[in-house]
Amino acid sequence: MLRRLFRHSADLSSVLRGSKRKGLIMDSAKALDACKKAAAVAAVNELVEDNQAIGIGSGSTIVHAVERLAERVKQEGLKITCVPTSFQARQLILDNGLVLTDLDQTPQLDLAIDGADLVDSKLTLIKGGGGCHTLEKIIADSSKKFAVVADYSKLVDFFGHKKEFKIPVEVLSVVNQTVKIWLEGKGGKAMIRPATSKMGPTITDNGNFILDWHFPQQAINNL
């Protein structure tokens, strides 16, 4: 599979300086969103071709990718079908008037476009912040090309650039303790991700739990 990273390389300070020179006031959130859009548009412009089946990932950056995809379909008359990785992706496809399909009807995809929580210098990804990474992985593996769209805030030289980092692991609820013990035997600590607006665990789009596998800085070299 061909893997490709699309990113906006300018740092936030340069984006803000540019906006000030133009007499504009751009806060950090707007500047970051502009970087996400630039990376997403670049991916769609370069990789999308007519008569493709495309896997649509999840996250805030993918919103810009789907919007640009819809523009190209309308402007160029492209024949594109889309397979979603999540409920969010499904709604984006429908809201933008794109053709929705699934892996049963389209088991082999030409391209998948997705985001990431972190990307290191070797293009290793950490995904799962949105709780739909099982289907994201399946769709990525079902695609001939896989494009990761990320702004500069997601790029690191190596994992563990902070005091600790975590790897999300989607797990069947009935074996969460078994998997937790297995993971902690490798180092670090695994914790069920709690829900934010209800009591109990976060439930993924596939009805599973998420174990956030935390690693302290000193454990990273042992991985």
N, C-alpha and C. Protein backbone atom coordinates (compact mmCIF):
# COMPACT_ATOMS: atom_id res chain seq x y z
N MET A 1 0.84 -1.19 0.00
CA MET A 1 0.00 0.00 0.00
C MET A 1 0.88 1.25 0.00
N LEU A 2 0.53 2.23 -0.83
CA LEU A 2 1.23 3.50 -0.83
C LEU A 2 0.70 4.36 0.30
N ARG A 3 1.61 4.82 1.15
CA ARG A 3 1.21 5.68 2.27
C ARG A 3 1.79 7.07 2.03
N ARG A 4 1.01 8.08 2.32
CA ARG A 4 1.43 9.45 2.04
C ARG A 4 0.96 10.36 3.16
N LEU A 5 1.82 11.29 3.56
CA LEU A 5 1.47 12.26 4.59
C LEU A 5 1.32 13.62 3.94
N PHE A 6 0.15 14.24 4.16
CA PHE A 6 -0.06 15.61 3.74
C PHE A 6 -0.12 16.47 5.00
N ARG A 7 0.71 17.50 5.02
CA ARG A 7 0.76 18.33 6.20
C ARG A 7 0.97 19.78 5.81
N HIS A 8 0.59 20.69 6.70
CA HIS A 8 0.91 22.09 6.52
C HIS A 8 2.13 22.36 7.37
N SER A 9 3.24 22.74 6.72
CA SER A 9 4.52 22.78 7.41
C SER A 9 4.78 24.08 8.15
N ALA A 10 4.03 25.14 7.86
CA ALA A 10 4.28 26.40 8.55
C ALA A 10 3.92 26.29 10.02
N ASP A 11 4.72 26.92 10.87
CA ASP A 11 4.36 26.89 12.29
C ASP A 11 3.33 27.98 12.56
N LEU A 12 2.71 27.91 13.73
CA LEU A 12 1.61 28.80 14.05
C LEU A 12 2.04 30.25 14.07
N SER A 13 3.24 30.53 14.57
CA SER A 13 3.70 31.91 14.68
C SER A 13 3.81 32.56 13.30
N SER A 14 4.26 31.80 12.28
CA SER A 14 4.40 32.37 10.94
C SER A 14 3.04 32.65 10.33
N VAL A 15 2.06 31.80 10.61
CA VAL A 15 0.71 32.04 10.11
C VAL A 15 0.14 33.31 10.73
N LEU A 16 0.34 33.48 12.03
CA LEU A 16 -0.16 34.66 12.71
C LEU A 16 0.53 35.92 12.21
N ARG A 17 1.85 35.84 11.98
CA ARG A 17 2.58 37.00 11.47
C ARG A 17 2.05 37.40 10.10
N GLY A 18 1.77 36.40 9.26
CA GLY A 18 1.23 36.68 7.93
C GLY A 18 -0.12 37.37 8.00
N SER A 19 -0.96 36.94 8.94
CA SER A 19 -2.28 37.55 9.05
C SER A 19 -2.18 38.99 9.52
N LYS A 20 -1.20 39.29 10.40
CA LYS A 20 -1.03 40.65 10.88
C LYS A 20 -0.54 41.56 9.76
N ARG A 21 0.35 41.05 8.88
CA ARG A 21 0.85 41.86 7.79
C ARG A 21 -0.27 42.25 6.83
N LYS A 22 -1.28 41.40 6.73
CA LYS A 22 -2.41 41.69 5.86
C LYS A 22 -3.49 42.52 6.56
N GLY A 23 -3.22 42.92 7.79
CA GLY A 23 -4.18 43.72 8.52
C GLY A 23 -5.32 42.90 9.10
N LEU A 24 -5.11 41.61 9.23
CA LEU A 24 -6.14 40.73 9.76
C LEU A 24 -5.81 40.34 11.18
N ILE A 25 -6.83 39.98 11.92
CA ILE A 25 -6.63 39.43 13.26
C ILE A 25 -7.07 37.99 13.23
N MET A 26 -6.12 37.07 13.41
CA MET A 26 -6.42 35.65 13.36
C MET A 26 -5.97 35.00 14.66
N ASP A 27 -6.92 34.42 15.41
CA ASP A 27 -6.51 33.77 16.65
C ASP A 27 -5.90 32.41 16.34
N SER A 28 -5.33 31.79 17.34
CA SER A 28 -4.60 30.54 17.13
C SER A 28 -5.50 29.42 16.62
N ALA A 29 -6.75 29.38 17.08
CA ALA A 29 -7.66 28.32 16.63
C ALA A 29 -7.96 28.46 15.15
N LYS A 30 -8.19 29.69 14.68
CA LYS A 30 -8.47 29.91 13.27
C LYS A 30 -7.24 29.61 12.42
N ALA A 31 -6.06 29.98 12.93
CA ALA A 31 -4.82 29.70 12.19
C ALA A 31 -4.60 28.20 12.06
N LEU A 32 -4.86 27.47 13.14
CA LEU A 32 -4.69 26.02 13.11
C LEU A 32 -5.68 25.39 12.13
N ASP A 33 -6.90 25.89 12.11
CA ASP A 33 -7.89 25.36 11.19
C ASP A 33 -7.50 25.66 9.74
N ALA A 34 -6.88 26.79 9.51
CA ALA A 34 -6.41 27.13 8.16
C ALA A 34 -5.34 26.14 7.71
N CYS A 35 -4.49 25.71 8.64
CA CYS A 35 -3.46 24.72 8.31
C CYS A 35 -4.09 23.37 8.00
N LYS A 36 -5.09 22.99 8.77
CA LYS A 36 -5.80 21.73 8.52
C LYS A 36 -6.43 21.74 7.13
N LYS A 37 -7.05 22.86 6.79
CA LYS A 37 -7.70 22.97 5.49
C LYS A 37 -6.69 22.88 4.35
N ALA A 38 -5.54 23.54 4.52
CA ALA A 38 -4.52 23.51 3.48
C ALA A 38 -4.03 22.10 3.21
N ALA A 39 -3.81 21.34 4.28
CA ALA A 39 -3.35 19.95 4.12
C ALA A 39 -4.42 19.08 3.49
N ALA A 40 -5.68 19.25 3.91
CA ALA A 40 -6.78 18.45 3.39
C ALA A 40 -7.01 18.72 1.91
N VAL A 41 -7.00 19.99 1.52
CA VAL A 41 -7.21 20.36 0.13
C VAL A 41 -6.08 19.81 -0.75
N ALA A 42 -4.84 19.87 -0.25
CA ALA A 42 -3.70 19.34 -1.01
C ALA A 42 -3.87 17.85 -1.28
N ALA A 43 -4.32 17.10 -0.28
CA ALA A 43 -4.50 15.66 -0.45
C ALA A 43 -5.56 15.35 -1.49
N VAL A 44 -6.69 16.03 -1.40
CA VAL A 44 -7.79 15.78 -2.34
C VAL A 44 -7.40 16.20 -3.76
N ASN A 45 -6.74 17.33 -3.87
CA ASN A 45 -6.35 17.82 -5.20
C ASN A 45 -5.35 16.89 -5.89
N GLU A 46 -4.42 16.33 -5.11
CA GLU A 46 -3.36 15.53 -5.71
C GLU A 46 -3.74 14.07 -5.94
N LEU A 47 -4.54 13.49 -5.07
CA LEU A 47 -4.75 12.04 -5.11
C LEU A 47 -6.09 11.59 -5.70
N VAL A 48 -7.10 12.42 -5.61
CA VAL A 48 -8.43 11.99 -6.06
C VAL A 48 -8.52 12.04 -7.58
N GLU A 49 -8.99 10.93 -8.17
CA GLU A 49 -9.19 10.82 -9.61
C GLU A 49 -10.59 10.30 -9.90
N ASP A 50 -10.99 10.37 -11.15
CA ASP A 50 -12.32 9.92 -11.54
C ASP A 50 -12.46 8.41 -11.34
N ASN A 51 -13.68 7.98 -11.05
CA ASN A 51 -14.03 6.56 -10.91
C ASN A 51 -13.30 5.88 -9.76
N GLN A 52 -13.11 6.59 -8.67
CA GLN A 52 -12.46 6.01 -7.49
C GLN A 52 -13.48 5.67 -6.41
N ALA A 53 -13.13 4.64 -5.63
CA ALA A 53 -13.82 4.34 -4.38
C ALA A 53 -12.90 4.82 -3.26
N ILE A 54 -13.42 5.69 -2.39
CA ILE A 54 -12.57 6.37 -1.41
C ILE A 54 -13.07 6.11 0.00
N GLY A 55 -12.16 5.73 0.89
CA GLY A 55 -12.47 5.62 2.31
C GLY A 55 -12.36 6.97 2.96
N ILE A 56 -13.38 7.36 3.70
CA ILE A 56 -13.42 8.67 4.35
C ILE A 56 -13.20 8.50 5.85
N GLY A 57 -12.14 9.11 6.34
CA GLY A 57 -11.78 8.99 7.75
C GLY A 57 -12.60 9.89 8.64
N SER A 58 -12.08 10.12 9.84
CA SER A 58 -12.82 10.85 10.86
C SER A 58 -11.95 11.98 11.43
N GLY A 59 -12.62 12.93 12.07
CA GLY A 59 -11.90 14.01 12.72
C GLY A 59 -12.14 15.36 12.07
N SER A 60 -11.62 16.40 12.70
CA SER A 60 -11.88 17.77 12.24
C SER A 60 -11.23 18.07 10.90
N THR A 61 -10.05 17.52 10.64
CA THR A 61 -9.37 17.80 9.37
C THR A 61 -10.11 17.19 8.20
N ILE A 62 -10.75 16.05 8.42
CA ILE A 62 -11.45 15.35 7.33
C ILE A 62 -12.66 16.14 6.85
N VAL A 63 -13.21 16.99 7.69
CA VAL A 63 -14.33 17.84 7.25
C VAL A 63 -13.90 18.66 6.03
N HIS A 64 -12.70 19.23 6.09
CA HIS A 64 -12.21 20.03 4.96
C HIS A 64 -11.97 19.16 3.73
N ALA A 65 -11.48 17.94 3.94
CA ALA A 65 -11.22 17.04 2.82
C ALA A 65 -12.52 16.68 2.10
N VAL A 66 -13.57 16.39 2.86
CA VAL A 66 -14.85 16.02 2.25
C VAL A 66 -15.46 17.21 1.53
N GLU A 67 -15.35 18.39 2.12
CA GLU A 67 -15.89 19.59 1.46
C GLU A 67 -15.18 19.84 0.12
N ARG A 68 -13.86 19.67 0.10
CA ARG A 68 -13.12 19.85 -1.15
C ARG A 68 -13.46 18.74 -2.15
N LEU A 69 -13.64 17.53 -1.66
CA LEU A 69 -14.02 16.42 -2.53
C LEU A 69 -15.37 16.71 -3.20
N ALA A 70 -16.32 17.20 -2.42
CA ALA A 70 -17.64 17.53 -2.96
C ALA A 70 -17.54 18.63 -4.01
N GLU A 71 -16.66 19.61 -3.78
CA GLU A 71 -16.46 20.67 -4.76
C GLU A 71 -15.95 20.11 -6.09
N ARG A 72 -14.96 19.21 -6.01
CA ARG A 72 -14.40 18.64 -7.23
C ARG A 72 -15.42 17.77 -7.97
N VAL A 73 -16.20 17.01 -7.23
CA VAL A 73 -17.24 16.18 -7.86
C VAL A 73 -18.23 17.06 -8.62
N LYS A 74 -18.61 18.17 -8.01
CA LYS A 74 -19.57 19.07 -8.65
C LYS A 74 -18.96 19.80 -9.85
N GLN A 75 -17.74 20.29 -9.67
CA GLN A 75 -17.10 21.09 -10.71
C GLN A 75 -16.61 20.25 -11.89
N GLU A 76 -16.10 19.05 -11.60
CA GLU A 76 -15.45 18.24 -12.63
C GLU A 76 -16.28 17.04 -13.09
N GLY A 77 -17.41 16.82 -12.43
CA GLY A 77 -18.25 15.68 -12.79
C GLY A 77 -17.63 14.34 -12.47
N LEU A 78 -16.81 14.29 -11.42
CA LEU A 78 -16.14 13.04 -11.05
C LEU A 78 -17.17 12.02 -10.55
N LYS A 79 -16.92 10.76 -10.87
CA LYS A 79 -17.74 9.66 -10.35
C LYS A 79 -16.98 9.04 -9.18
N ILE A 80 -17.44 9.34 -7.97
CA ILE A 80 -16.76 8.92 -6.75
C ILE A 80 -17.75 8.23 -5.83
N THR A 81 -17.35 7.11 -5.23
CA THR A 81 -18.14 6.50 -4.16
C THR A 81 -17.32 6.55 -2.87
N CYS A 82 -18.00 6.66 -1.76
CA CYS A 82 -17.32 6.88 -0.47
C CYS A 82 -17.74 5.84 0.57
N VAL A 83 -16.75 5.31 1.27
CA VAL A 83 -16.99 4.37 2.37
C VAL A 83 -16.59 5.06 3.67
N PRO A 84 -17.51 5.19 4.64
CA PRO A 84 -17.19 5.89 5.88
C PRO A 84 -16.51 5.00 6.92
N THR A 85 -15.70 5.63 7.76
CA THR A 85 -15.06 4.92 8.87
C THR A 85 -15.83 5.09 10.18
N SER A 86 -16.83 5.96 10.18
CA SER A 86 -17.52 6.29 11.43
C SER A 86 -18.87 6.91 11.13
N PHE A 87 -19.67 7.12 12.17
CA PHE A 87 -20.95 7.80 12.02
C PHE A 87 -20.72 9.23 11.53
N GLN A 88 -19.68 9.91 12.07
CA GLN A 88 -19.36 11.26 11.63
C GLN A 88 -19.06 11.29 10.13
N ALA A 89 -18.23 10.34 9.67
CA ALA A 89 -17.87 10.29 8.26
C ALA A 89 -19.10 10.03 7.39
N ARG A 90 -19.98 9.14 7.85
CA ARG A 90 -21.21 8.85 7.09
C ARG A 90 -22.04 10.11 6.91
N GLN A 91 -22.19 10.89 7.99
CA GLN A 91 -22.98 12.11 7.91
C GLN A 91 -22.32 13.13 7.00
N LEU A 92 -20.99 13.23 7.04
CA LEU A 92 -20.28 14.15 6.16
C LEU A 92 -20.52 13.80 4.69
N ILE A 93 -20.46 12.51 4.38
CA ILE A 93 -20.68 12.06 3.00
C ILE A 93 -22.09 12.44 2.53
N LEU A 94 -23.08 12.15 3.36
CA LEU A 94 -24.47 12.44 2.99
C LEU A 94 -24.73 13.95 2.94
N ASP A 95 -24.23 14.68 3.92
CA ASP A 95 -24.47 16.12 3.97
C ASP A 95 -23.86 16.85 2.78
N ASN A 96 -22.79 16.29 2.22
CA ASN A 96 -22.13 16.93 1.10
C ASN A 96 -22.55 16.35 -0.26
N GLY A 97 -23.60 15.52 -0.26
CA GLY A 97 -24.18 15.03 -1.49
C GLY A 97 -23.32 14.02 -2.24
N LEU A 98 -22.44 13.32 -1.51
CA LEU A 98 -21.59 12.32 -2.14
C LEU A 98 -22.26 10.94 -2.10
N VAL A 99 -21.78 10.03 -2.92
CA VAL A 99 -22.38 8.69 -3.00
C VAL A 99 -21.83 7.81 -1.87
N LEU A 100 -22.74 7.29 -1.06
CA LEU A 100 -22.38 6.46 0.09
C LEU A 100 -22.43 4.99 -0.28
N THR A 101 -21.39 4.25 0.12
CA THR A 101 -21.39 2.80 -0.04
C THR A 101 -20.72 2.19 1.19
N ASP A 102 -20.46 0.87 1.16
CA ASP A 102 -19.81 0.23 2.30
C ASP A 102 -18.87 -0.86 1.80
N LEU A 103 -18.18 -1.50 2.73
CA LEU A 103 -17.19 -2.51 2.35
C LEU A 103 -17.83 -3.78 1.79
N ASP A 104 -19.08 -4.05 2.11
CA ASP A 104 -19.76 -5.20 1.52
C ASP A 104 -19.92 -5.00 0.01
N GLN A 105 -20.29 -3.80 -0.38
CA GLN A 105 -20.48 -3.51 -1.80
C GLN A 105 -19.18 -3.14 -2.51
N THR A 106 -18.26 -2.55 -1.76
CA THR A 106 -16.99 -2.09 -2.34
C THR A 106 -15.85 -2.53 -1.42
N PRO A 107 -15.44 -3.79 -1.49
CA PRO A 107 -14.42 -4.30 -0.57
C PRO A 107 -13.00 -3.83 -0.86
N GLN A 108 -12.75 -3.37 -2.09
CA GLN A 108 -11.42 -2.88 -2.45
C GLN A 108 -11.51 -1.40 -2.79
N LEU A 109 -10.76 -0.57 -2.04
CA LEU A 109 -10.81 0.87 -2.23
C LEU A 109 -9.55 1.36 -2.95
N ASP A 110 -9.71 2.44 -3.69
CA ASP A 110 -8.56 3.03 -4.38
C ASP A 110 -7.74 3.93 -3.46
N LEU A 111 -8.42 4.56 -2.52
CA LEU A 111 -7.78 5.57 -1.68
C LEU A 111 -8.53 5.69 -0.37
N ALA A 112 -7.80 5.89 0.71
CA ALA A 112 -8.40 6.25 2.00
C ALA A 112 -7.72 7.52 2.49
N ILE A 113 -8.51 8.47 2.98
CA ILE A 113 -7.99 9.72 3.52
C ILE A 113 -8.42 9.82 4.97
N ASP A 114 -7.47 10.01 5.86
CA ASP A 114 -7.79 10.03 7.29
C ASP A 114 -6.84 10.96 8.01
N GLY A 115 -7.15 11.27 9.24
CA GLY A 115 -6.29 12.08 10.08
C GLY A 115 -5.57 11.21 11.09
N ALA A 116 -4.94 11.83 12.09
CA ALA A 116 -4.22 11.10 13.12
C ALA A 116 -4.10 11.98 14.36
N ASP A 117 -3.92 11.33 15.51
CA ASP A 117 -3.68 12.07 16.75
C ASP A 117 -2.23 12.52 16.84
N LEU A 118 -1.32 11.64 16.45
CA LEU A 118 0.11 11.96 16.40
C LEU A 118 0.74 11.23 15.22
N VAL A 119 1.76 11.85 14.61
CA VAL A 119 2.51 11.25 13.52
C VAL A 119 4.00 11.46 13.80
N ASP A 120 4.78 10.37 13.82
CA ASP A 120 6.21 10.54 14.07
C ASP A 120 6.98 10.62 12.76
N SER A 121 8.29 10.75 12.85
CA SER A 121 9.12 10.97 11.67
C SER A 121 9.14 9.77 10.73
N LYS A 122 8.74 8.58 11.21
CA LYS A 122 8.69 7.38 10.38
C LYS A 122 7.29 7.11 9.84
N LEU A 123 6.39 8.08 10.01
CA LEU A 123 4.99 7.98 9.61
C LEU A 123 4.24 6.90 10.38
N THR A 124 4.70 6.61 11.59
CA THR A 124 3.93 5.78 12.52
C THR A 124 2.85 6.66 13.12
N LEU A 125 1.63 6.14 13.18
CA LEU A 125 0.50 6.93 13.64
C LEU A 125 -0.03 6.45 14.98
N ILE A 126 -0.51 7.39 15.77
CA ILE A 126 -1.37 7.05 16.90
C ILE A 126 -2.75 7.59 16.56
N LYS A 127 -3.74 6.68 16.56
CA LYS A 127 -5.11 7.04 16.25
C LYS A 127 -6.02 6.51 17.36
N GLY A 128 -7.24 6.99 17.37
CA GLY A 128 -8.20 6.47 18.33
C GLY A 128 -8.80 7.50 19.26
N GLY A 129 -8.37 8.75 19.11
CA GLY A 129 -8.93 9.79 19.97
C GLY A 129 -10.43 9.95 19.80
N GLY A 130 -10.91 9.68 18.58
CA GLY A 130 -12.34 9.81 18.31
C GLY A 130 -13.14 8.55 18.57
N GLY A 131 -12.46 7.45 18.88
CA GLY A 131 -13.18 6.23 19.23
C GLY A 131 -13.73 5.44 18.07
N CYS A 132 -13.10 5.51 16.90
CA CYS A 132 -13.59 4.73 15.76
C CYS A 132 -12.43 4.13 14.97
N HIS A 133 -11.33 3.80 15.66
CA HIS A 133 -10.11 3.42 14.94
C HIS A 133 -10.11 1.99 14.42
N THR A 134 -10.99 1.11 14.92
CA THR A 134 -11.02 -0.25 14.36
C THR A 134 -11.42 -0.23 12.89
N LEU A 135 -12.53 0.46 12.58
CA LEU A 135 -12.96 0.55 11.19
C LEU A 135 -12.00 1.41 10.37
N GLU A 136 -11.39 2.41 11.00
CA GLU A 136 -10.38 3.22 10.30
C GLU A 136 -9.23 2.33 9.82
N LYS A 137 -8.78 1.42 10.67
CA LYS A 137 -7.68 0.52 10.30
C LYS A 137 -8.12 -0.44 9.19
N ILE A 138 -9.33 -0.96 9.29
CA ILE A 138 -9.83 -1.90 8.28
C ILE A 138 -9.91 -1.22 6.92
N ILE A 139 -10.43 0.00 6.89
CA ILE A 139 -10.57 0.72 5.63
C ILE A 139 -9.20 1.11 5.08
N ALA A 140 -8.28 1.49 5.94
CA ALA A 140 -6.92 1.81 5.48
C ALA A 140 -6.28 0.59 4.84
N ASP A 141 -6.44 -0.58 5.46
CA ASP A 141 -5.85 -1.81 4.91
C ASP A 141 -6.57 -2.30 3.65
N SER A 142 -7.78 -1.82 3.42
CA SER A 142 -8.53 -2.22 2.24
C SER A 142 -8.27 -1.29 1.05
N SER A 143 -7.39 -0.30 1.25
CA SER A 143 -7.16 0.72 0.23
C SER A 143 -5.79 0.57 -0.43
N LYS A 144 -5.72 0.86 -1.72
CA LYS A 144 -4.45 0.82 -2.44
C LYS A 144 -3.53 1.95 -2.00
N LYS A 145 -4.12 3.11 -1.69
CA LYS A 145 -3.36 4.25 -1.20
C LYS A 145 -3.98 4.75 0.10
N PHE A 146 -3.12 5.19 1.02
CA PHE A 146 -3.59 5.70 2.31
C PHE A 146 -2.93 7.05 2.56
N ALA A 147 -3.73 8.11 2.60
CA ALA A 147 -3.22 9.46 2.82
C ALA A 147 -3.60 9.93 4.21
N VAL A 148 -2.60 10.37 4.97
CA VAL A 148 -2.81 10.92 6.30
C VAL A 148 -2.76 12.45 6.20
N VAL A 149 -3.80 13.11 6.64
CA VAL A 149 -3.87 14.56 6.59
C VAL A 149 -3.69 15.09 8.01
N ALA A 150 -2.64 15.90 8.20
CA ALA A 150 -2.33 16.37 9.54
C ALA A 150 -1.76 17.78 9.51
N ASP A 151 -2.12 18.60 10.49
CA ASP A 151 -1.49 19.90 10.63
C ASP A 151 -0.22 19.73 11.47
N TYR A 152 0.57 20.78 11.54
CA TYR A 152 1.89 20.69 12.18
C TYR A 152 1.81 20.31 13.66
N SER A 153 0.68 20.57 14.31
CA SER A 153 0.59 20.29 15.75
C SER A 153 0.58 18.79 16.04
N LYS A 154 0.31 17.97 15.01
CA LYS A 154 0.25 16.52 15.20
C LYS A 154 1.60 15.84 14.94
N LEU A 155 2.59 16.58 14.45
CA LEU A 155 3.86 15.98 14.05
C LEU A 155 4.88 16.02 15.19
N VAL A 156 5.52 14.88 15.44
CA VAL A 156 6.57 14.79 16.45
C VAL A 156 7.73 13.99 15.88
N ASP A 157 8.93 14.23 16.40
CA ASP A 157 10.08 13.44 15.97
C ASP A 157 9.96 12.00 16.45
N PHE A 158 9.43 11.85 17.68
CA PHE A 158 9.25 10.52 18.27
C PHE A 158 8.16 10.59 19.31
N PHE A 159 7.49 9.46 19.55
CA PHE A 159 6.47 9.42 20.59
C PHE A 159 7.13 9.50 21.95
N GLY A 160 6.47 10.21 22.86
CA GLY A 160 7.05 10.42 24.17
C GLY A 160 7.72 11.76 24.31
N HIS A 161 7.37 12.68 23.40
CA HIS A 161 7.96 14.02 23.48
C HIS A 161 7.44 14.77 24.69
N LYS A 162 6.34 14.27 25.26
CA LYS A 162 5.82 14.84 26.50
C LYS A 162 6.18 13.90 27.66
N LYS A 163 5.70 14.20 28.84
CA LYS A 163 6.03 13.36 30.00
C LYS A 163 5.50 11.94 29.83
N GLU A 164 4.37 11.80 29.16
CA GLU A 164 3.83 10.48 28.88
C GLU A 164 2.96 10.55 27.64
N PHE A 165 2.67 9.42 27.05
CA PHE A 165 1.74 9.39 25.95
C PHE A 165 0.89 8.15 26.08
N LYS A 166 -0.18 8.09 25.30
CA LYS A 166 -1.09 6.96 25.42
C LYS A 166 -1.45 6.43 24.04
N ILE A 167 -1.65 5.13 23.99
CA ILE A 167 -2.08 4.46 22.77
C ILE A 167 -3.50 3.95 23.00
N PRO A 168 -4.48 4.43 22.22
CA PRO A 168 -5.85 3.94 22.38
C PRO A 168 -5.98 2.54 21.79
N VAL A 169 -6.61 1.66 22.54
CA VAL A 169 -6.82 0.28 22.09
C VAL A 169 -8.31 -0.02 22.20
N GLU A 170 -8.97 -0.27 21.06
CA GLU A 170 -10.38 -0.63 21.09
C GLU A 170 -10.51 -2.10 21.46
N VAL A 171 -11.41 -2.41 22.38
CA VAL A 171 -11.47 -3.76 22.94
C VAL A 171 -12.92 -4.16 23.18
N LEU A 172 -13.21 -5.44 22.96
CA LEU A 172 -14.53 -5.97 23.30
C LEU A 172 -14.76 -5.83 24.80
N SER A 173 -15.95 -5.42 25.19
CA SER A 173 -16.22 -5.16 26.60
C SER A 173 -16.01 -6.40 27.47
N VAL A 174 -16.31 -7.59 26.94
CA VAL A 174 -16.24 -8.81 27.74
C VAL A 174 -14.81 -9.26 28.03
N VAL A 175 -13.84 -8.69 27.31
CA VAL A 175 -12.44 -9.09 27.54
C VAL A 175 -11.58 -7.90 27.92
N ASN A 176 -12.19 -6.81 28.37
CA ASN A 176 -11.39 -5.61 28.64
C ASN A 176 -10.37 -5.84 29.76
N GLN A 177 -10.73 -6.64 30.76
CA GLN A 177 -9.78 -6.89 31.85
C GLN A 177 -8.65 -7.80 31.40
N THR A 178 -8.97 -8.78 30.55
CA THR A 178 -7.94 -9.67 30.02
C THR A 178 -6.93 -8.90 29.19
N VAL A 179 -7.44 -8.02 28.33
CA VAL A 179 -6.56 -7.22 27.50
C VAL A 179 -5.77 -6.23 28.34
N LYS A 180 -6.40 -5.65 29.34
CA LYS A 180 -5.73 -4.71 30.24
C LYS A 180 -4.51 -5.37 30.90
N ILE A 181 -4.69 -6.59 31.41
CA ILE A 181 -3.59 -7.31 32.05
C ILE A 181 -2.47 -7.59 31.05
N TRP A 182 -2.86 -7.99 29.83
CA TRP A 182 -1.85 -8.29 28.80
C TRP A 182 -1.05 -7.04 28.44
N LEU A 183 -1.76 -5.92 28.26
CA LEU A 183 -1.08 -4.68 27.90
C LEU A 183 -0.12 -4.23 29.00
N GLU A 184 -0.59 -4.27 30.24
CA GLU A 184 0.25 -3.80 31.35
C GLU A 184 1.44 -4.71 31.58
N GLY A 185 1.34 -5.96 31.11
CA GLY A 185 2.50 -6.84 31.16
C GLY A 185 3.61 -6.38 30.23
N LYS A 186 3.25 -5.54 29.24
CA LYS A 186 4.24 -4.98 28.31
C LYS A 186 4.83 -3.67 28.82
N GLY A 187 4.23 -3.11 29.89
CA GLY A 187 4.69 -1.84 30.43
C GLY A 187 3.56 -0.82 30.45
N GLY A 188 3.71 0.20 31.26
CA GLY A 188 2.71 1.25 31.34
C GLY A 188 1.46 0.82 32.07
N LYS A 189 0.39 1.58 31.88
CA LYS A 189 -0.87 1.32 32.57
C LYS A 189 -2.02 1.54 31.59
N ALA A 190 -2.96 0.60 31.57
CA ALA A 190 -4.12 0.69 30.68
C ALA A 190 -5.36 1.03 31.49
N MET A 191 -6.10 2.03 31.02
CA MET A 191 -7.29 2.49 31.73
C MET A 191 -8.46 2.62 30.78
N ILE A 192 -9.63 2.16 31.21
CA ILE A 192 -10.84 2.32 30.40
C ILE A 192 -11.14 3.81 30.27
N ARG A 193 -11.37 4.26 29.04
CA ARG A 193 -11.67 5.68 28.83
C ARG A 193 -13.09 5.98 29.31
N PRO A 194 -13.26 6.91 30.24
CA PRO A 194 -14.60 7.24 30.73
C PRO A 194 -15.35 8.11 29.73
N ALA A 195 -16.66 8.01 29.75
CA ALA A 195 -17.49 8.88 28.92
C ALA A 195 -17.50 10.28 29.52
N THR A 196 -17.79 11.27 28.68
CA THR A 196 -17.76 12.66 29.16
C THR A 196 -19.14 13.20 29.51
N SER A 197 -20.20 12.61 28.98
CA SER A 197 -21.54 13.15 29.24
C SER A 197 -22.48 12.12 29.85
N LYS A 198 -21.92 10.99 30.29
CA LYS A 198 -22.72 9.98 30.98
C LYS A 198 -21.80 9.20 31.92
N MET A 199 -22.39 8.48 32.84
CA MET A 199 -21.61 7.62 33.71
C MET A 199 -21.17 6.38 32.93
N GLY A 200 -19.99 5.86 33.25
CA GLY A 200 -19.53 4.65 32.61
C GLY A 200 -18.51 4.92 31.52
N PRO A 201 -18.18 3.88 30.74
CA PRO A 201 -17.11 3.99 29.75
C PRO A 201 -17.56 4.65 28.45
N THR A 202 -16.59 5.15 27.70
CA THR A 202 -16.84 5.58 26.33
C THR A 202 -17.18 4.36 25.48
N ILE A 203 -18.20 4.47 24.65
CA ILE A 203 -18.59 3.39 23.75
C ILE A 203 -18.26 3.81 22.33
N THR A 204 -17.52 2.98 21.60
CA THR A 204 -17.12 3.32 20.24
C THR A 204 -18.28 3.14 19.27
N ASP A 205 -18.07 3.55 18.01
CA ASP A 205 -19.09 3.36 16.98
C ASP A 205 -19.42 1.90 16.76
N ASN A 206 -18.48 1.02 17.11
CA ASN A 206 -18.69 -0.43 16.96
C ASN A 206 -19.20 -1.08 18.24
N GLY A 207 -19.53 -0.28 19.25
CA GLY A 207 -20.08 -0.81 20.49
C GLY A 207 -19.05 -1.38 21.44
N ASN A 208 -17.79 -0.99 21.29
CA ASN A 208 -16.71 -1.51 22.13
C ASN A 208 -16.22 -0.48 23.14
N PHE A 209 -15.32 -0.90 24.03
CA PHE A 209 -14.65 -0.02 24.98
C PHE A 209 -13.33 0.45 24.38
N ILE A 210 -12.75 1.48 24.99
CA ILE A 210 -11.39 1.92 24.65
C ILE A 210 -10.52 1.85 25.89
N LEU A 211 -9.40 1.16 25.77
CA LEU A 211 -8.37 1.20 26.81
C LEU A 211 -7.31 2.19 26.37
N ASP A 212 -7.10 3.24 27.16
CA ASP A 212 -6.01 4.17 26.89
C ASP A 212 -4.77 3.64 27.60
N TRP A 213 -3.77 3.26 26.81
CA TRP A 213 -2.56 2.59 27.31
C TRP A 213 -1.50 3.67 27.53
N HIS A 214 -1.32 4.06 28.78
CA HIS A 214 -0.43 5.16 29.15
C HIS A 214 0.99 4.65 29.37
N PHE A 215 1.94 5.42 28.85
CA PHE A 215 3.35 5.09 29.05
C PHE A 215 4.09 6.27 29.67
N PRO A 216 4.75 6.06 30.81
CA PRO A 216 5.60 7.12 31.35
C PRO A 216 6.86 7.25 30.48
N GLN A 217 7.52 8.39 30.59
CA GLN A 217 8.70 8.66 29.77
C GLN A 217 9.75 7.56 29.88
N GLN A 218 9.98 7.07 31.10
CA GLN A 218 11.06 6.09 31.30
C GLN A 218 10.76 4.73 30.69
N ALA A 219 9.48 4.47 30.34
CA ALA A 219 9.14 3.17 29.80
C ALA A 219 9.24 3.10 28.28
N ILE A 220 9.39 4.25 27.64
CA ILE A 220 9.34 4.30 26.19
C ILE A 220 10.45 3.49 25.55
N ASN A 221 11.65 3.57 26.10
CA ASN A 221 12.80 2.88 25.51
C ASN A 221 12.68 1.36 25.61
N ASN A 222 11.74 0.89 26.44
CA ASN A 222 11.57 -0.55 26.61
C ASN A 222 10.57 -1.15 25.63
N LEU A 223 9.93 -0.29 24.82
CA LEU A 223 8.90 -0.77 23.89
C LEU A 223 9.56 -1.50 22.71
